[in-house]
Amino acid sequence: MLYPSEILERRKTLEPMSRNNTEVERSAFERHDEEEDPLAVYLKQIKKIPLLTAEEEKKSYIEIRYCKDMLARLSRDKVAGKISSAEYERERAILEKKLVDVKNRIITANLRLVVSIAKK
């Protein structure tokens, strides 16, 4: 994938199209430009992400609250000596991974929502 600065640099080095070029050649040039455009690539990728229903979003926030509560409880249990350090680290890693996964699901779905609203 090219960065915007690289795309601009490539455009500067391309020779201007002559008036003898056909429409087919121009459309191929424009299509090539769109394929390298990071924004176009991002918009294509984000279309694949499903929007969350109200129920799915509610469940996701409940999962986040649950993970945070369990992390706090786990920390209290470790301080109280109820669990070993190894068990604490293992359980904490599992909960933190789940927390990150749920947050990322919400974030990507919300980005998709923002893009769909912005297009209108």
N, C-alpha and C. Protein backbone atom coordinates (compact mmCIF):
# COMPACT_ATOMS: atom_id res chain seq x y z
N MET A 1 0.85 -1.16 0.00
CA MET A 1 0.00 0.00 0.00
C MET A 1 0.90 1.23 0.00
N LEU A 2 0.51 2.22 -0.75
CA LEU A 2 1.28 3.45 -0.84
C LEU A 2 0.72 4.48 0.12
N TYR A 3 1.60 5.29 0.66
CA TYR A 3 1.19 6.40 1.50
C TYR A 3 0.82 7.58 0.61
N PRO A 4 -0.02 8.50 1.10
CA PRO A 4 -0.44 9.64 0.28
C PRO A 4 0.72 10.42 -0.32
N SER A 5 1.80 10.61 0.43
CA SER A 5 2.94 11.36 -0.10
C SER A 5 3.57 10.63 -1.29
N GLU A 6 3.60 9.29 -1.22
CA GLU A 6 4.16 8.51 -2.33
C GLU A 6 3.28 8.62 -3.57
N ILE A 7 1.98 8.64 -3.36
CA ILE A 7 1.05 8.77 -4.49
C ILE A 7 1.24 10.12 -5.16
N LEU A 8 1.35 11.18 -4.36
CA LEU A 8 1.56 12.51 -4.93
C LEU A 8 2.87 12.57 -5.70
N GLU A 9 3.91 11.95 -5.16
CA GLU A 9 5.21 11.94 -5.84
C GLU A 9 5.12 11.21 -7.17
N ARG A 10 4.40 10.10 -7.19
CA ARG A 10 4.24 9.34 -8.45
C ARG A 10 3.47 10.16 -9.47
N ARG A 11 2.45 10.87 -9.01
CA ARG A 11 1.66 11.68 -9.93
C ARG A 11 2.51 12.78 -10.56
N LYS A 12 3.44 13.34 -9.80
CA LYS A 12 4.30 14.39 -10.32
C LYS A 12 5.21 13.85 -11.42
N THR A 13 5.65 12.62 -11.27
CA THR A 13 6.60 12.06 -12.23
C THR A 13 5.93 11.52 -13.49
N LEU A 14 4.64 11.29 -13.44
CA LEU A 14 3.94 10.80 -14.62
C LEU A 14 3.82 11.91 -15.66
N GLU A 15 4.00 11.54 -16.90
CA GLU A 15 3.86 12.53 -17.96
C GLU A 15 2.38 12.82 -18.15
N PRO A 16 2.07 14.08 -18.45
CA PRO A 16 0.66 14.40 -18.70
C PRO A 16 0.12 13.60 -19.88
N MET A 17 -1.13 13.27 -19.81
CA MET A 17 -1.75 12.51 -20.89
C MET A 17 -1.84 13.37 -22.15
N SER A 18 -1.50 12.79 -23.24
CA SER A 18 -1.62 13.52 -24.50
C SER A 18 -3.07 13.50 -24.95
N ARG A 19 -3.42 14.39 -25.82
CA ARG A 19 -4.80 14.47 -26.30
C ARG A 19 -5.15 13.30 -27.21
N ASN A 20 -4.15 12.54 -27.66
CA ASN A 20 -4.39 11.42 -28.54
C ASN A 20 -4.82 10.15 -27.80
N ASN A 21 -4.71 10.16 -26.45
CA ASN A 21 -5.10 8.96 -25.69
C ASN A 21 -6.60 8.75 -25.79
N THR A 22 -6.97 7.50 -25.79
CA THR A 22 -8.38 7.18 -25.88
C THR A 22 -9.01 7.20 -24.50
N GLU A 23 -10.32 7.19 -24.45
CA GLU A 23 -11.05 7.15 -23.19
C GLU A 23 -10.72 5.89 -22.40
N VAL A 24 -10.50 4.80 -23.10
CA VAL A 24 -10.18 3.54 -22.43
C VAL A 24 -8.88 3.68 -21.66
N GLU A 25 -7.89 4.29 -22.27
CA GLU A 25 -6.61 4.48 -21.59
C GLU A 25 -6.76 5.39 -20.39
N ARG A 26 -7.55 6.44 -20.50
CA ARG A 26 -7.77 7.36 -19.38
C ARG A 26 -8.46 6.65 -18.23
N SER A 27 -9.49 5.87 -18.55
CA SER A 27 -10.21 5.20 -17.47
C SER A 27 -9.31 4.17 -16.80
N ALA A 28 -8.42 3.53 -17.56
CA ALA A 28 -7.48 2.58 -16.96
C ALA A 28 -6.52 3.31 -16.04
N PHE A 29 -6.06 4.48 -16.45
CA PHE A 29 -5.17 5.29 -15.62
C PHE A 29 -5.88 5.71 -14.34
N GLU A 30 -7.12 6.17 -14.45
CA GLU A 30 -7.88 6.59 -13.27
C GLU A 30 -8.14 5.41 -12.35
N ARG A 31 -8.47 4.25 -12.92
CA ARG A 31 -8.74 3.06 -12.12
C ARG A 31 -7.47 2.65 -11.37
N HIS A 32 -6.33 2.73 -12.02
CA HIS A 32 -5.05 2.41 -11.38
C HIS A 32 -4.81 3.37 -10.21
N ASP A 33 -5.11 4.63 -10.41
CA ASP A 33 -4.97 5.63 -9.35
C ASP A 33 -5.85 5.29 -8.16
N GLU A 34 -7.09 4.90 -8.41
CA GLU A 34 -8.03 4.58 -7.34
C GLU A 34 -7.58 3.35 -6.56
N GLU A 35 -6.99 2.38 -7.25
CA GLU A 35 -6.54 1.15 -6.59
C GLU A 35 -5.40 1.43 -5.62
N GLU A 36 -4.59 2.43 -5.91
CA GLU A 36 -3.48 2.77 -5.04
C GLU A 36 -3.85 3.79 -3.98
N ASP A 37 -5.01 4.39 -4.09
CA ASP A 37 -5.45 5.42 -3.15
C ASP A 37 -5.77 4.77 -1.80
N PRO A 38 -5.04 5.14 -0.75
CA PRO A 38 -5.26 4.52 0.56
C PRO A 38 -6.69 4.70 1.08
N LEU A 39 -7.27 5.84 0.81
CA LEU A 39 -8.63 6.08 1.28
C LEU A 39 -9.60 5.13 0.60
N ALA A 40 -9.45 4.94 -0.70
CA ALA A 40 -10.32 4.01 -1.43
C ALA A 40 -10.15 2.59 -0.91
N VAL A 41 -8.92 2.20 -0.65
CA VAL A 41 -8.65 0.86 -0.12
C VAL A 41 -9.31 0.71 1.25
N TYR A 42 -9.16 1.73 2.10
CA TYR A 42 -9.76 1.70 3.44
C TYR A 42 -11.28 1.59 3.35
N LEU A 43 -11.89 2.37 2.48
CA LEU A 43 -13.35 2.34 2.35
C LEU A 43 -13.83 0.98 1.85
N LYS A 44 -13.06 0.34 0.98
CA LYS A 44 -13.42 -1.01 0.52
C LYS A 44 -13.33 -2.01 1.67
N GLN A 45 -12.28 -1.87 2.48
CA GLN A 45 -12.10 -2.80 3.59
C GLN A 45 -13.17 -2.62 4.66
N ILE A 46 -13.53 -1.39 4.93
CA ILE A 46 -14.47 -1.12 6.02
C ILE A 46 -15.89 -1.57 5.65
N LYS A 47 -16.18 -1.66 4.35
CA LYS A 47 -17.50 -2.13 3.92
C LYS A 47 -17.75 -3.58 4.36
N LYS A 48 -16.67 -4.33 4.55
CA LYS A 48 -16.79 -5.75 4.91
C LYS A 48 -17.16 -5.95 6.38
N ILE A 49 -17.02 -4.92 7.18
CA ILE A 49 -17.28 -5.02 8.62
C ILE A 49 -18.77 -4.83 8.86
N PRO A 50 -19.41 -5.79 9.52
CA PRO A 50 -20.86 -5.63 9.76
C PRO A 50 -21.14 -4.61 10.86
N LEU A 51 -22.23 -3.88 10.69
CA LEU A 51 -22.67 -2.96 11.74
C LEU A 51 -23.24 -3.80 12.89
N LEU A 52 -23.16 -3.29 14.10
CA LEU A 52 -23.73 -3.99 15.26
C LEU A 52 -25.20 -3.61 15.42
N THR A 53 -26.00 -4.59 15.77
CA THR A 53 -27.38 -4.28 16.12
C THR A 53 -27.37 -3.68 17.52
N ALA A 54 -28.48 -3.10 17.93
CA ALA A 54 -28.58 -2.52 19.27
C ALA A 54 -28.34 -3.60 20.33
N GLU A 55 -28.86 -4.78 20.09
CA GLU A 55 -28.69 -5.89 21.04
C GLU A 55 -27.23 -6.34 21.13
N GLU A 56 -26.56 -6.43 19.98
CA GLU A 56 -25.14 -6.83 19.96
C GLU A 56 -24.28 -5.78 20.68
N GLU A 57 -24.61 -4.51 20.46
CA GLU A 57 -23.85 -3.45 21.11
C GLU A 57 -24.04 -3.50 22.62
N LYS A 58 -25.27 -3.73 23.04
CA LYS A 58 -25.58 -3.83 24.48
C LYS A 58 -24.81 -5.00 25.10
N LYS A 59 -24.81 -6.16 24.43
CA LYS A 59 -24.08 -7.32 24.92
C LYS A 59 -22.58 -7.05 25.00
N SER A 60 -22.06 -6.31 24.03
CA SER A 60 -20.63 -5.99 24.02
C SER A 60 -20.27 -5.13 25.22
N TYR A 61 -21.10 -4.14 25.53
CA TYR A 61 -20.82 -3.29 26.69
C TYR A 61 -20.95 -4.06 28.00
N ILE A 62 -21.86 -5.01 28.04
CA ILE A 62 -21.97 -5.88 29.22
C ILE A 62 -20.71 -6.73 29.37
N GLU A 63 -20.20 -7.25 28.25
CA GLU A 63 -18.95 -8.03 28.28
C GLU A 63 -17.78 -7.19 28.79
N ILE A 64 -17.72 -5.94 28.34
CA ILE A 64 -16.65 -5.05 28.80
C ILE A 64 -16.75 -4.84 30.31
N ARG A 65 -17.95 -4.57 30.79
CA ARG A 65 -18.14 -4.35 32.23
C ARG A 65 -17.75 -5.60 33.02
N TYR A 66 -18.16 -6.77 32.50
CA TYR A 66 -17.85 -8.04 33.15
C TYR A 66 -16.33 -8.24 33.23
N CYS A 67 -15.63 -8.02 32.11
CA CYS A 67 -14.17 -8.20 32.09
C CYS A 67 -13.49 -7.25 33.07
N LYS A 68 -13.92 -6.02 33.12
CA LYS A 68 -13.32 -5.06 34.04
C LYS A 68 -13.58 -5.46 35.50
N ASP A 69 -14.80 -5.91 35.78
CA ASP A 69 -15.12 -6.35 37.14
C ASP A 69 -14.29 -7.57 37.52
N MET A 70 -14.14 -8.51 36.60
CA MET A 70 -13.35 -9.72 36.88
C MET A 70 -11.87 -9.38 37.07
N LEU A 71 -11.36 -8.42 36.31
CA LEU A 71 -9.96 -8.00 36.48
C LEU A 71 -9.76 -7.39 37.87
N ALA A 72 -10.72 -6.58 38.31
CA ALA A 72 -10.62 -5.97 39.64
C ALA A 72 -10.69 -7.05 40.72
N ARG A 73 -11.59 -8.00 40.54
CA ARG A 73 -11.74 -9.10 41.51
C ARG A 73 -10.47 -9.95 41.55
N LEU A 74 -9.93 -10.22 40.39
CA LEU A 74 -8.70 -11.00 40.28
C LEU A 74 -7.55 -10.31 41.02
N SER A 75 -7.47 -9.01 40.85
CA SER A 75 -6.43 -8.24 41.52
C SER A 75 -6.60 -8.29 43.04
N ARG A 76 -7.84 -8.17 43.49
CA ARG A 76 -8.11 -8.25 44.94
C ARG A 76 -7.75 -9.64 45.48
N ASP A 77 -8.08 -10.68 44.72
CA ASP A 77 -7.76 -12.05 45.15
C ASP A 77 -6.25 -12.28 45.23
N LYS A 78 -5.51 -11.69 44.30
CA LYS A 78 -4.05 -11.84 44.33
C LYS A 78 -3.47 -11.14 45.56
N VAL A 79 -3.94 -9.93 45.82
CA VAL A 79 -3.46 -9.18 46.98
C VAL A 79 -3.79 -9.92 48.27
N ALA A 80 -4.97 -10.53 48.32
CA ALA A 80 -5.40 -11.27 49.52
C ALA A 80 -4.72 -12.63 49.63
N GLY A 81 -3.99 -13.03 48.60
CA GLY A 81 -3.28 -14.30 48.63
C GLY A 81 -4.17 -15.49 48.30
N LYS A 82 -5.33 -15.26 47.71
CA LYS A 82 -6.25 -16.35 47.37
C LYS A 82 -5.82 -17.11 46.12
N ILE A 83 -5.02 -16.45 45.26
CA ILE A 83 -4.55 -17.12 44.03
C ILE A 83 -3.06 -16.87 43.89
N SER A 84 -2.40 -17.76 43.17
CA SER A 84 -0.95 -17.63 42.95
C SER A 84 -0.68 -16.58 41.87
N SER A 85 0.55 -16.15 41.82
CA SER A 85 0.95 -15.17 40.80
C SER A 85 0.81 -15.74 39.39
N ALA A 86 1.14 -17.01 39.23
CA ALA A 86 1.03 -17.64 37.91
C ALA A 86 -0.42 -17.71 37.45
N GLU A 87 -1.30 -18.08 38.37
CA GLU A 87 -2.73 -18.15 38.04
C GLU A 87 -3.27 -16.76 37.73
N TYR A 88 -2.82 -15.79 38.52
CA TYR A 88 -3.24 -14.40 38.30
C TYR A 88 -2.84 -13.93 36.91
N GLU A 89 -1.59 -14.16 36.54
CA GLU A 89 -1.10 -13.73 35.23
C GLU A 89 -1.84 -14.41 34.09
N ARG A 90 -2.10 -15.71 34.24
CA ARG A 90 -2.81 -16.46 33.20
C ARG A 90 -4.22 -15.93 33.02
N GLU A 91 -4.95 -15.77 34.13
CA GLU A 91 -6.34 -15.29 34.07
C GLU A 91 -6.42 -13.85 33.58
N ARG A 92 -5.45 -13.04 34.04
CA ARG A 92 -5.43 -11.63 33.63
C ARG A 92 -5.21 -11.51 32.12
N ALA A 93 -4.30 -12.31 31.58
CA ALA A 93 -4.02 -12.29 30.14
C ALA A 93 -5.27 -12.67 29.33
N ILE A 94 -5.99 -13.68 29.80
CA ILE A 94 -7.22 -14.11 29.11
C ILE A 94 -8.26 -13.00 29.13
N LEU A 95 -8.48 -12.40 30.30
CA LEU A 95 -9.48 -11.34 30.43
C LEU A 95 -9.10 -10.09 29.62
N GLU A 96 -7.82 -9.73 29.65
CA GLU A 96 -7.40 -8.56 28.90
C GLU A 96 -7.51 -8.76 27.40
N LYS A 97 -7.23 -9.97 26.92
CA LYS A 97 -7.38 -10.26 25.49
C LYS A 97 -8.84 -10.16 25.09
N LYS A 98 -9.72 -10.72 25.91
CA LYS A 98 -11.15 -10.65 25.61
C LYS A 98 -11.63 -9.20 25.63
N LEU A 99 -11.14 -8.43 26.57
CA LEU A 99 -11.51 -7.02 26.68
C LEU A 99 -11.08 -6.25 25.43
N VAL A 100 -9.87 -6.47 24.99
CA VAL A 100 -9.36 -5.80 23.78
C VAL A 100 -10.17 -6.23 22.56
N ASP A 101 -10.47 -7.52 22.44
CA ASP A 101 -11.25 -8.01 21.30
C ASP A 101 -12.63 -7.37 21.23
N VAL A 102 -13.30 -7.29 22.36
CA VAL A 102 -14.65 -6.70 22.39
C VAL A 102 -14.58 -5.21 22.06
N LYS A 103 -13.61 -4.52 22.63
CA LYS A 103 -13.46 -3.09 22.33
C LYS A 103 -13.18 -2.86 20.86
N ASN A 104 -12.31 -3.68 20.28
CA ASN A 104 -11.99 -3.53 18.85
C ASN A 104 -13.20 -3.80 17.97
N ARG A 105 -14.03 -4.77 18.35
CA ARG A 105 -15.25 -5.05 17.60
C ARG A 105 -16.17 -3.83 17.60
N ILE A 106 -16.33 -3.20 18.76
CA ILE A 106 -17.18 -2.01 18.86
C ILE A 106 -16.57 -0.85 18.07
N ILE A 107 -15.28 -0.65 18.20
CA ILE A 107 -14.61 0.46 17.52
C ILE A 107 -14.73 0.33 16.00
N THR A 108 -14.44 -0.85 15.48
CA THR A 108 -14.50 -1.02 14.02
C THR A 108 -15.92 -0.89 13.49
N ALA A 109 -16.89 -1.41 14.23
CA ALA A 109 -18.29 -1.27 13.81
C ALA A 109 -18.71 0.20 13.85
N ASN A 110 -18.25 0.94 14.86
CA ASN A 110 -18.59 2.35 14.94
C ASN A 110 -17.90 3.16 13.85
N LEU A 111 -16.68 2.78 13.48
CA LEU A 111 -16.02 3.45 12.36
C LEU A 111 -16.79 3.23 11.08
N ARG A 112 -17.28 2.03 10.90
CA ARG A 112 -18.11 1.72 9.72
C ARG A 112 -19.35 2.59 9.73
N LEU A 113 -19.97 2.75 10.89
CA LEU A 113 -21.16 3.58 11.02
C LEU A 113 -20.84 5.03 10.67
N VAL A 114 -19.74 5.55 11.18
CA VAL A 114 -19.34 6.93 10.90
C VAL A 114 -19.13 7.15 9.41
N VAL A 115 -18.45 6.20 8.76
CA VAL A 115 -18.19 6.31 7.34
C VAL A 115 -19.51 6.26 6.56
N SER A 116 -20.42 5.38 6.95
CA SER A 116 -21.69 5.30 6.22
C SER A 116 -22.52 6.57 6.39
N ILE A 117 -22.45 7.20 7.56
CA ILE A 117 -23.17 8.46 7.78
C ILE A 117 -22.50 9.59 7.01
N ALA A 118 -21.17 9.61 7.00
CA ALA A 118 -20.43 10.66 6.30
C ALA A 118 -20.67 10.62 4.81
N LYS A 119 -20.89 9.44 4.26
CA LYS A 119 -21.12 9.33 2.81
C LYS A 119 -22.44 9.97 2.40
N LYS A 120 -23.39 9.99 3.33
CA LYS A 120 -24.72 10.56 3.02
C LYS A 120 -24.64 12.04 3.01
